[in-house]
Amino acid sequence: MSAQNDVQSSRASALDLPFELTSKIFVFCLPIRGRVRPHRKLAPLLLAQICGRWRAVALETPQLWRSIHLEFSQASAYDSIPLLFGLPGATAVEDQTPALLDLWFTRAGGHSLSISLICFEHHSYPPGLLPALFAYVPRWGRLELAMPMADFVEFNKITGPFPLLQSLSIQITDSSEPFFDIAVNTMLNSPRLVALHLLDRHGGRAVSNGLAAVPRTITTLQVAQPWTSEGSFDSYVKMFAHLPHLIHLGTSSTSFFPGDTGALTPRLRSLILESQEGLDFLRIPTLEHLQVALWEDQFPGTVQQLIRFLVHHPFGSRRLTSLVLELAYVRDDDLLACLSVVPSLVTLQLLFYAAGESTSFAAHCHMLQHPTLLPSLRNLILTDAAPRPSYSAFVALLHQRQTLEHAELHISSRHADVRRATEPPGAGILSELAALVATGLTVGVTTPNYAWPVDALYCDPVGDLDHDVFGSRKLRPYHFSPF
């Protein structure tokens, strides 16, 4: 027998691996942060279709079933439901969704659960879904809900206790300031709660029902300004005193902060702002991640204000490693000047919101090819609102930045007609992307109706990097996660 045949005969078939090893491999097939979507082309359902042995392993691996992500919009049902019930030829109907949730979590054993139930505007949860959810209250670990006020009122009747709940994110899809005078009962009786995220119908941070109701265990908080009768600055002083473990904060503005905030925020690592007001005076030596909006058409001079902050800020030993910029009509030379003063960046996310500015996007991509710019950059995420995406500019950028490990391009628009007309990348672009992936680069491209690779829509933005605790404020609540 030849040496090649000896090697081939010594290789174990994937179907011959021990149960425990196969089970562990299956778990690694899930998104790093959970949010598993029931789909026959994605794990765990894909794994359960390969053969009888793999199906048995999948069904007996509870970690595969501890997370579920369901969206409710125009889709009538989930095509995976018949498969779950062992009926691959059956017809999926929407009112099986509560049964899907129950069966899914029955297979999860005693593990804590990650639950994302996302209603889009003008939609509600299917009948029976909330009662099915309530059956697992003691095992809620992460809860991410987007729903109309009527569903929230029903949901809010549950008072707990919630012994395993660590992360709570709620968006009310048909109301502004929905929590202004309503207590969120899920915040109470949650001794392990570390992350809280409240949104209104527009995706803006909603007002909570008072600082005293927020558990002192919180490390990650994203709400509107905690207004009180004492005034905005005093409110934040009280907030930091009440939350001694807070390290990630999303708020509206820092214009009310004093010049030296080092003593006020001694541990803050992430700061997400809806505007750049007050950045000139902000001092947080421990800051590692910053997200800010730069809208030059509405607020001229915002880029220069950010540059002054980045130049004069007394960063500590860790330095700023992650930056998210929401951009509208920002010139290439201004953006270049801004990024040039933060050579420590490892992760950069740019969101271009000037719809129709495709030439501007291409120019920004060309600017990012600058040979001395961001030498430590490893992760790059670009979001563009242009109706005609410049895929070639993105590919050219990837060819030039050979130190990148992870890159994404997302095409997004608030206009339905633009979303419908967005063209996917052509065969030539896909061929170049595949060649880049072969070198070890992780690449994802999505449009409103296309994804490359097929699971790009479902993967985590940049693995398990810390800045993913917030994501963009323009995105849905399921982009918020501390674990």
Protein backbone atom coordinates (compact mmCIF):
# COMPACT_ATOMS: atom_id res chain seq x y z
CA MET A 1 0.00 0.00 0.00
CA SER A 2 1.35 3.43 -0.91
CA ALA A 3 2.15 6.12 1.69
CA GLN A 4 -0.80 8.15 0.40
CA ASN A 5 -3.16 5.23 0.95
CA ASP A 6 -1.71 4.73 4.45
CA VAL A 7 -2.54 8.33 5.32
CA GLN A 8 -6.04 8.06 3.87
CA SER A 9 -6.76 4.84 5.74
CA SER A 10 -5.63 6.44 9.01
CA ARG A 11 -8.05 9.34 8.68
CA ALA A 12 -11.19 8.96 10.75
CA SER A 13 -14.51 9.61 9.09
CA ALA A 14 -16.48 12.50 10.58
CA LEU A 15 -19.27 10.02 11.18
CA ASP A 16 -16.93 7.80 13.25
CA LEU A 17 -15.90 10.47 15.77
CA PRO A 18 -16.87 9.85 19.41
CA PHE A 19 -20.21 11.28 20.53
CA GLU A 20 -18.63 13.79 22.93
CA LEU A 21 -16.24 15.19 20.30
CA THR A 22 -18.97 15.45 17.67
CA SER A 23 -21.17 17.26 20.18
CA LYS A 24 -18.44 19.80 20.96
CA ILE A 25 -17.81 20.41 17.25
CA PHE A 26 -21.54 21.02 16.73
CA VAL A 27 -21.55 23.68 19.45
CA PHE A 28 -18.73 25.52 17.66
CA CYS A 29 -20.98 25.72 14.57
CA LEU A 30 -23.29 28.19 16.36
CA PRO A 31 -22.85 31.98 16.32
CA ILE A 32 -20.38 33.01 19.02
CA ARG A 33 -22.99 35.06 20.87
CA GLY A 34 -25.91 32.73 20.29
CA ARG A 35 -29.04 34.12 18.60
CA VAL A 36 -29.66 30.89 16.73
CA ARG A 37 -32.19 31.23 13.92
CA PRO A 38 -34.32 28.18 13.07
CA HIS A 39 -33.44 27.51 9.45
CA ARG A 40 -32.77 24.25 7.65
CA LYS A 41 -29.57 25.69 6.11
CA LEU A 42 -28.07 26.75 9.46
CA ALA A 43 -26.94 24.94 12.60
CA PRO A 44 -28.35 23.19 14.52
CA LEU A 45 -31.10 22.14 12.09
CA LEU A 46 -28.64 21.66 9.23
CA LEU A 47 -26.58 19.28 11.36
CA ALA A 48 -29.66 17.26 12.29
CA GLN A 49 -30.39 16.56 8.61
CA ILE A 50 -27.09 14.92 7.62
CA CYS A 51 -27.73 11.43 8.92
CA GLY A 52 -29.40 9.53 11.73
CA ARG A 53 -26.27 9.57 13.91
CA TRP A 54 -25.75 13.31 13.59
CA ARG A 55 -29.42 13.90 14.26
CA ALA A 56 -29.17 11.87 17.46
CA VAL A 57 -26.08 13.82 18.56
CA ALA A 58 -27.75 17.16 17.77
CA LEU A 59 -30.94 16.31 19.66
CA GLU A 60 -28.95 15.11 22.67
CA THR A 61 -26.68 18.20 22.84
CA PRO A 62 -28.66 20.68 24.95
CA GLN A 63 -26.26 23.57 24.30
CA LEU A 64 -27.47 23.65 20.67
CA TRP A 65 -31.00 24.53 21.77
CA ARG A 66 -30.44 27.11 24.51
CA SER A 67 -30.75 30.06 22.10
CA ILE A 68 -33.42 31.09 19.62
CA HIS A 69 -33.94 34.16 17.44
CA LEU A 70 -37.34 34.68 15.78
CA GLU A 71 -38.48 37.63 13.66
CA PHE A 72 -42.08 38.49 12.88
CA SER A 73 -42.74 40.51 9.74
CA GLN A 74 -44.10 39.57 6.34
CA ALA A 75 -42.92 35.98 6.60
CA SER A 76 -45.79 33.59 7.27
CA ALA A 77 -43.83 30.87 9.03
CA TYR A 78 -40.47 29.22 9.67
CA ASP A 79 -39.66 26.50 7.16
CA SER A 80 -37.80 24.56 9.85
CA ILE A 81 -40.82 23.87 12.04
CA PRO A 82 -41.95 20.68 10.21
CA LEU A 83 -38.39 19.36 10.36
CA LEU A 84 -38.29 19.91 14.10
CA PHE A 85 -41.40 17.81 14.50
CA GLY A 86 -40.00 15.08 12.26
CA LEU A 87 -42.40 15.93 9.44
CA PRO A 88 -40.24 17.15 6.53
CA GLY A 89 -43.15 16.96 4.10
CA ALA A 90 -45.59 18.91 6.28
CA THR A 91 -46.73 22.47 5.70
CA ALA A 92 -45.39 25.14 8.07
CA VAL A 93 -47.98 27.44 9.57
CA GLU A 94 -47.41 30.46 11.79
CA ASP A 95 -49.48 29.30 14.74
CA GLN A 96 -46.97 26.49 15.33
CA THR A 97 -44.44 29.07 16.53
CA PRO A 98 -45.30 28.71 20.25
CA ALA A 99 -44.89 24.95 19.87
CA LEU A 100 -41.52 25.55 18.17
CA LEU A 101 -40.35 27.69 21.09
CA ASP A 102 -41.49 25.08 23.61
CA LEU A 103 -39.93 22.14 21.77
CA TRP A 104 -36.69 24.04 21.18
CA PHE A 105 -36.23 24.83 24.87
CA THR A 106 -37.36 21.41 26.02
CA ARG A 107 -34.26 20.11 24.26
CA ALA A 108 -32.07 22.67 26.08
CA GLY A 109 -32.19 20.77 29.35
CA GLY A 110 -31.49 23.00 32.34
CA HIS A 111 -29.28 25.53 30.56
CA SER A 112 -29.95 29.25 30.76
CA LEU A 113 -31.75 30.57 27.67
CA SER A 114 -30.98 33.30 25.16
CA ILE A 115 -34.24 34.55 23.62
CA SER A 116 -34.64 37.10 20.81
CA LEU A 117 -38.22 37.75 19.68
CA ILE A 118 -38.23 40.64 17.21
CA CYS A 119 -41.44 42.20 15.87
CA PHE A 120 -41.09 44.69 13.07
CA GLU A 121 -43.31 47.73 12.86
CA HIS A 122 -47.06 47.03 12.46
CA HIS A 123 -46.65 43.44 13.62
CA SER A 124 -47.40 41.58 16.85
CA TYR A 125 -46.34 38.30 18.39
CA PRO A 126 -48.29 35.22 17.23
CA PRO A 127 -51.08 34.14 19.62
CA GLY A 128 -49.77 31.95 22.40
CA LEU A 129 -46.14 32.99 22.04
CA LEU A 130 -45.90 34.96 25.29
CA PRO A 131 -47.51 32.19 27.40
CA ALA A 132 -45.01 29.75 25.89
CA LEU A 133 -42.22 32.15 26.85
CA PHE A 134 -43.54 32.55 30.39
CA ALA A 135 -43.18 28.82 30.99
CA TYR A 136 -39.39 29.28 31.04
CA VAL A 137 -39.07 32.38 33.27
CA PRO A 138 -36.66 30.70 35.74
CA ARG A 139 -34.23 29.95 32.89
CA TRP A 140 -34.17 33.30 31.08
CA GLY A 141 -30.54 34.33 30.68
CA ARG A 142 -30.63 36.88 27.87
CA LEU A 143 -33.90 38.46 26.77
CA GLU A 144 -34.18 40.66 23.66
CA LEU A 145 -37.69 41.76 22.72
CA ALA A 146 -39.05 44.15 20.11
CA MET A 147 -42.84 44.38 20.37
CA PRO A 148 -45.84 46.74 20.31
CA MET A 149 -47.10 48.26 23.55
CA ALA A 150 -50.05 45.86 23.76
CA ASP A 151 -47.68 42.88 23.88
CA PHE A 152 -45.44 44.67 26.37
CA VAL A 153 -48.35 45.25 28.75
CA GLU A 154 -49.05 41.51 28.66
CA PHE A 155 -45.36 40.70 29.06
CA ASN A 156 -44.96 43.14 31.95
CA LYS A 157 -47.47 41.19 34.06
CA ILE A 158 -44.73 38.69 34.85
CA THR A 159 -42.93 39.82 37.99
CA GLY A 160 -40.41 37.01 38.38
CA PRO A 161 -38.23 36.10 40.06
CA PHE A 162 -35.65 35.94 37.27
CA PRO A 163 -32.72 34.11 38.90
CA LEU A 164 -30.56 33.68 35.76
CA LEU A 165 -31.35 36.86 33.80
CA GLN A 166 -28.17 38.73 32.88
CA SER A 167 -29.11 40.84 29.85
CA LEU A 168 -32.39 42.63 29.11
CA SER A 169 -33.09 44.59 25.92
CA ILE A 170 -36.59 45.85 25.11
CA GLN A 171 -37.83 47.98 22.23
CA ILE A 172 -41.43 49.20 21.97
CA THR A 173 -42.21 49.44 18.26
CA ASP A 174 -45.26 51.71 18.34
CA SER A 175 -44.61 54.19 21.15
CA SER A 176 -42.23 57.03 22.01
CA GLU A 177 -40.92 57.30 25.59
CA PRO A 178 -42.79 54.10 26.48
CA PHE A 179 -41.14 53.61 29.88
CA PHE A 180 -41.48 57.16 31.13
CA ASP A 181 -44.14 56.30 33.71
CA ILE A 182 -44.20 52.49 33.51
CA ALA A 183 -42.05 50.24 35.68
CA VAL A 184 -40.29 47.47 33.76
CA ASN A 185 -40.96 44.56 36.08
CA THR A 186 -38.27 42.40 34.49
CA MET A 187 -35.65 44.75 35.94
CA LEU A 188 -36.80 43.76 39.41
CA ASN A 189 -36.04 40.46 41.13
CA SER A 190 -33.07 39.89 38.77
CA PRO A 191 -30.07 39.45 41.08
CA ARG A 192 -27.66 38.70 38.20
CA LEU A 193 -28.73 41.43 35.76
CA VAL A 194 -25.66 43.15 34.28
CA ALA A 195 -26.96 44.72 31.03
CA LEU A 196 -29.99 46.94 30.42
CA HIS A 197 -31.10 48.42 27.09
CA LEU A 198 -34.41 50.27 26.61
CA LEU A 199 -35.55 51.64 23.22
CA ASP A 200 -38.58 53.44 21.84
CA ARG A 201 -40.21 53.06 18.41
CA HIS A 202 -37.49 55.06 16.65
CA GLY A 203 -34.62 53.09 18.14
CA GLY A 204 -33.82 55.93 20.51
CA ARG A 205 -32.91 55.22 24.08
CA ALA A 206 -35.98 55.38 26.24
CA VAL A 207 -36.31 56.82 29.73
CA SER A 208 -36.31 54.26 32.53
CA ASN A 209 -38.71 54.47 35.43
CA GLY A 210 -36.18 55.85 37.92
CA LEU A 211 -32.62 55.20 38.97
CA ALA A 212 -33.61 53.36 42.14
CA ALA A 213 -35.21 50.58 40.07
CA VAL A 214 -31.99 49.84 38.17
CA PRO A 215 -30.14 46.93 39.85
CA ARG A 216 -26.76 47.87 41.28
CA THR A 217 -25.22 44.88 39.50
CA ILE A 218 -25.44 46.67 36.11
CA THR A 219 -22.20 46.90 34.11
CA THR A 220 -23.74 47.85 30.74
CA LEU A 221 -26.40 50.55 30.45
CA GLN A 222 -27.95 52.19 27.40
CA VAL A 223 -30.88 54.48 28.14
CA ALA A 224 -31.74 58.15 27.70
CA GLN A 225 -30.44 60.81 30.07
CA PRO A 226 -31.58 60.00 33.63
CA TRP A 227 -33.36 63.32 34.11
CA THR A 228 -34.21 64.25 37.66
CA SER A 229 -35.17 67.42 39.46
CA GLU A 230 -31.53 67.97 40.43
CA GLY A 231 -30.47 68.60 36.82
CA SER A 232 -28.64 66.49 34.24
CA PHE A 233 -25.11 66.57 35.71
CA ASP A 234 -26.30 65.74 39.23
CA SER A 235 -28.33 62.91 37.73
CA TYR A 236 -25.22 61.36 36.24
CA VAL A 237 -23.27 61.82 39.46
CA LYS A 238 -25.99 59.86 41.23
CA MET A 239 -26.06 57.26 38.46
CA PHE A 240 -22.34 56.49 38.75
CA ALA A 241 -22.65 56.35 42.53
CA HIS A 242 -25.63 53.98 42.27
CA LEU A 243 -23.92 51.72 39.69
CA PRO A 244 -20.41 51.06 41.02
CA HIS A 245 -19.70 48.35 38.41
CA LEU A 246 -20.73 50.35 35.30
CA ILE A 247 -18.13 50.07 32.51
CA HIS A 248 -20.23 50.46 29.31
CA LEU A 249 -22.49 53.50 28.90
CA GLY A 250 -24.70 54.69 26.06
CA THR A 251 -26.20 58.17 26.47
CA SER A 252 -27.41 61.18 24.50
CA SER A 253 -24.66 63.73 25.06
CA THR A 254 -21.72 64.60 27.30
CA SER A 255 -22.29 68.37 27.18
CA PHE A 256 -23.34 68.30 30.84
CA PHE A 257 -20.16 66.58 32.04
CA PRO A 258 -17.45 68.64 33.78
CA GLY A 259 -14.01 69.17 32.29
CA ASP A 260 -12.34 66.34 34.21
CA THR A 261 -14.50 63.21 34.40
CA GLY A 262 -11.74 60.83 35.46
CA ALA A 263 -12.94 60.72 39.06
CA LEU A 264 -16.57 60.54 37.99
CA THR A 265 -16.06 57.61 35.60
CA PRO A 266 -13.05 55.72 36.96
CA ARG A 267 -13.84 52.42 35.20
CA LEU A 268 -15.71 53.39 32.02
CA ARG A 269 -14.41 51.44 29.01
CA SER A 270 -17.13 52.06 26.39
CA LEU A 271 -19.00 55.28 25.59
CA ILE A 272 -21.72 55.56 22.96
CA LEU A 273 -23.01 59.07 22.14
CA GLU A 274 -25.80 60.34 19.93
CA SER A 275 -23.90 63.59 19.41
CA GLN A 276 -20.39 64.92 19.88
CA GLU A 277 -21.39 67.73 22.25
CA GLY A 278 -18.99 68.11 25.15
CA LEU A 279 -16.27 65.85 23.75
CA ASP A 280 -13.70 68.66 24.05
CA PHE A 281 -14.03 68.54 27.84
CA LEU A 282 -14.48 64.81 28.38
CA ARG A 283 -11.70 62.94 30.17
CA ILE A 284 -12.02 59.15 30.70
CA PRO A 285 -8.53 57.61 30.87
CA THR A 286 -9.85 54.03 30.82
CA LEU A 287 -11.83 54.49 27.57
CA GLU A 288 -11.26 51.75 24.96
CA HIS A 289 -14.33 52.05 22.73
CA LEU A 290 -16.04 55.18 21.42
CA GLN A 291 -19.08 55.56 19.19
CA VAL A 292 -20.20 58.98 17.99
CA ALA A 293 -22.24 60.57 15.18
CA LEU A 294 -20.60 63.11 12.88
CA TRP A 295 -23.25 64.93 10.87
CA GLU A 296 -21.37 67.74 9.13
CA ASP A 297 -24.45 68.86 7.18
CA GLN A 298 -26.37 69.57 10.39
CA PHE A 299 -23.54 70.36 12.82
CA PRO A 300 -20.49 71.79 11.01
CA GLY A 301 -17.21 71.35 12.85
CA THR A 302 -18.06 68.04 14.51
CA VAL A 303 -15.06 66.28 12.96
CA GLN A 304 -12.66 68.92 14.26
CA GLN A 305 -14.19 68.60 17.71
CA LEU A 306 -13.64 64.84 17.65
CA ILE A 307 -10.04 65.33 16.50
CA ARG A 308 -9.37 67.69 19.40
CA PHE A 309 -10.81 65.10 21.78
CA LEU A 310 -8.69 62.27 20.35
CA VAL A 311 -5.51 64.36 20.38
CA HIS A 312 -5.84 65.79 23.88
CA HIS A 313 -7.59 62.94 25.68
CA PRO A 314 -5.33 61.37 28.36
CA PHE A 315 -5.84 57.74 27.38
CA GLY A 316 -4.44 55.20 29.80
CA SER A 317 -2.23 52.24 29.06
CA ARG A 318 -4.92 50.35 27.12
CA ARG A 319 -5.53 53.14 24.58
CA LEU A 320 -8.55 53.49 22.27
CA THR A 321 -8.83 50.27 20.26
CA SER A 322 -12.40 50.41 18.88
CA LEU A 323 -14.14 53.30 17.10
CA VAL A 324 -17.58 53.56 15.48
CA LEU A 325 -18.36 56.68 13.43
CA GLU A 326 -21.74 57.53 11.94
CA LEU A 327 -20.95 59.82 9.02
CA ALA A 328 -22.95 62.22 6.89
CA TYR A 329 -21.22 64.51 4.37
CA VAL A 330 -17.80 64.17 5.99
CA ARG A 331 -14.94 65.04 3.64
CA ASP A 332 -12.22 62.49 2.91
CA ASP A 333 -9.42 64.71 4.21
CA ASP A 334 -11.33 65.35 7.46
CA LEU A 335 -11.89 61.64 8.00
CA LEU A 336 -8.23 60.94 7.22
CA ALA A 337 -7.15 63.57 9.76
CA CYS A 338 -9.46 62.04 12.37
CA LEU A 339 -8.23 58.45 11.92
CA SER A 340 -4.59 59.50 11.73
CA VAL A 341 -4.56 60.45 15.43
CA VAL A 342 -5.70 57.00 16.65
CA PRO A 343 -3.04 54.54 15.39
CA SER A 344 -3.97 52.13 18.20
CA LEU A 345 -7.31 51.20 16.58
CA VAL A 346 -7.89 47.48 16.12
CA THR A 347 -11.55 47.73 15.11
CA LEU A 348 -13.12 50.44 12.95
CA GLN A 349 -16.78 50.68 11.97
CA LEU A 350 -17.93 53.42 9.57
CA LEU A 351 -21.61 53.99 8.82
CA PHE A 352 -22.26 56.26 5.83
CA TYR A 353 -25.77 57.69 6.03
CA ALA A 354 -25.72 60.18 3.14
CA ALA A 355 -27.95 58.17 0.80
CA GLY A 356 -26.89 58.30 -2.83
CA GLU A 357 -23.31 59.29 -2.07
CA SER A 358 -21.80 56.23 -3.77
CA THR A 359 -18.86 58.24 -5.11
CA SER A 360 -18.18 59.43 -1.58
CA PHE A 361 -18.13 55.82 -0.34
CA ALA A 362 -15.65 54.87 -3.06
CA ALA A 363 -13.49 57.86 -2.15
CA HIS A 364 -13.55 56.89 1.54
CA CYS A 365 -12.49 53.33 0.61
CA HIS A 366 -9.61 54.76 -1.41
CA MET A 367 -8.63 56.98 1.51
CA LEU A 368 -8.55 53.95 3.85
CA GLN A 369 -5.85 52.42 1.62
CA HIS A 370 -3.38 55.04 2.88
CA PRO A 371 -0.21 52.98 3.66
CA THR A 372 0.54 54.53 7.07
CA LEU A 373 -3.06 54.78 8.28
CA LEU A 374 -4.16 52.57 11.20
CA PRO A 375 -1.25 50.10 11.28
CA SER A 376 -2.91 47.98 14.02
CA LEU A 377 -6.29 47.65 12.27
CA ARG A 378 -7.58 44.09 12.14
CA ASN A 379 -11.39 44.46 11.87
CA LEU A 380 -13.22 46.74 9.43
CA ILE A 381 -16.99 47.13 9.06
CA LEU A 382 -18.50 49.47 6.48
CA THR A 383 -22.19 50.30 6.07
CA ASP A 384 -23.33 52.31 3.05
CA ALA A 385 -26.73 53.70 2.06
CA ALA A 386 -25.95 54.10 -1.65
CA PRO A 387 -28.53 52.65 -4.10
CA ARG A 388 -25.68 51.43 -6.36
CA PRO A 389 -23.07 49.83 -4.10
CA SER A 390 -19.41 50.24 -4.98
CA TYR A 391 -18.34 46.65 -4.42
CA SER A 392 -15.17 47.10 -6.45
CA ALA A 393 -13.97 49.88 -4.12
CA PHE A 394 -14.48 47.57 -1.12
CA VAL A 395 -12.57 44.72 -2.78
CA ALA A 396 -9.72 47.03 -3.76
CA LEU A 397 -9.49 48.19 -0.15
CA LEU A 398 -9.24 44.60 1.10
CA HIS A 399 -6.45 43.85 -1.35
CA GLN A 400 -4.46 46.80 -0.04
CA ARG A 401 -4.99 46.21 3.70
CA GLN A 402 -3.43 42.77 3.95
CA THR A 403 -3.23 42.85 7.76
CA LEU A 404 -7.02 42.72 8.08
CA GLU A 405 -8.49 39.61 9.67
CA HIS A 406 -12.21 40.47 9.45
CA ALA A 407 -14.10 42.71 7.01
CA GLU A 408 -17.77 43.39 6.35
CA LEU A 409 -19.75 45.47 3.87
CA HIS A 410 -23.42 46.14 4.57
CA ILE A 411 -25.71 47.95 2.16
CA SER A 412 -28.66 49.51 3.96
CA SER A 413 -31.28 52.16 3.24
CA ARG A 414 -34.32 53.57 5.01
CA HIS A 415 -36.17 53.76 1.68
CA ALA A 416 -38.08 50.63 0.65
CA ASP A 417 -37.73 51.28 -3.08
CA VAL A 418 -33.95 51.58 -2.73
CA ARG A 419 -33.80 48.37 -0.68
CA ARG A 420 -35.75 46.45 -3.32
CA ALA A 421 -33.57 47.73 -6.16
CA THR A 422 -30.18 47.10 -4.53
CA GLU A 423 -28.13 44.84 -6.77
CA PRO A 424 -25.96 42.07 -5.30
CA PRO A 425 -22.26 41.76 -6.19
CA GLY A 426 -21.50 40.24 -9.58
CA ALA A 427 -19.66 37.02 -10.33
CA GLY A 428 -16.31 38.79 -10.72
CA ILE A 429 -16.58 40.43 -7.30
CA LEU A 430 -17.61 37.17 -5.67
CA SER A 431 -14.64 35.43 -7.25
CA GLU A 432 -12.27 38.04 -5.79
CA LEU A 433 -13.91 37.78 -2.37
CA ALA A 434 -13.54 33.99 -2.44
CA ALA A 435 -9.85 34.41 -3.23
CA LEU A 436 -9.45 36.75 -0.27
CA VAL A 437 -11.20 34.26 2.02
CA ALA A 438 -8.77 31.59 0.82
CA THR A 439 -5.93 33.68 2.28
CA GLY A 440 -7.54 33.52 5.75
CA LEU A 441 -9.56 36.74 5.72
CA THR A 442 -13.11 36.54 7.06
CA VAL A 443 -15.42 38.52 4.75
CA GLY A 444 -19.16 39.17 4.75
CA VAL A 445 -21.34 41.17 2.35
CA THR A 446 -25.03 41.83 2.88
CA THR A 447 -27.77 43.81 1.16
CA PRO A 448 -31.47 44.01 2.13
CA ASN A 449 -32.12 40.90 0.02
CA TYR A 450 -28.77 39.16 -0.36
CA ALA A 451 -25.95 37.76 1.76
CA TRP A 452 -22.52 36.37 0.97
CA PRO A 453 -21.75 33.90 2.40
CA VAL A 454 -25.24 32.62 3.08
CA ASP A 455 -24.87 32.94 6.86
CA ALA A 456 -23.43 36.50 6.78
CA LEU A 457 -26.74 37.92 8.03
CA TYR A 458 -26.67 35.69 11.09
CA CYS A 459 -23.06 35.93 12.18
CA ASP A 460 -21.79 38.19 14.94
CA PRO A 461 -20.33 41.48 13.72
CA VAL A 462 -16.76 40.89 14.89
CA GLY A 463 -16.74 37.71 16.89
CA ASP A 464 -16.73 38.31 20.61
CA LEU A 465 -15.03 41.73 20.73
CA ASP A 466 -16.14 43.92 23.60
CA HIS A 467 -17.55 46.70 21.45
CA ASP A 468 -20.38 44.41 20.32
CA VAL A 469 -22.10 45.09 23.64
CA PHE A 470 -23.79 47.95 21.84
CA GLY A 471 -23.47 47.83 18.08
CA SER A 472 -24.95 50.80 16.24
CA ARG A 473 -27.81 52.75 17.78
CA LYS A 474 -29.48 52.48 14.36
CA LEU A 475 -29.70 48.72 14.70
CA ARG A 476 -32.22 46.52 16.44
CA PRO A 477 -32.00 45.51 20.12
CA TYR A 478 -30.48 42.12 19.35
CA HIS A 479 -27.15 43.85 18.56
CA PHE A 480 -26.78 44.57 22.26
CA SER A 481 -25.13 41.85 24.31
CA PRO A 482 -22.57 41.62 27.11
CA PHE A 483 -22.12 37.85 26.90
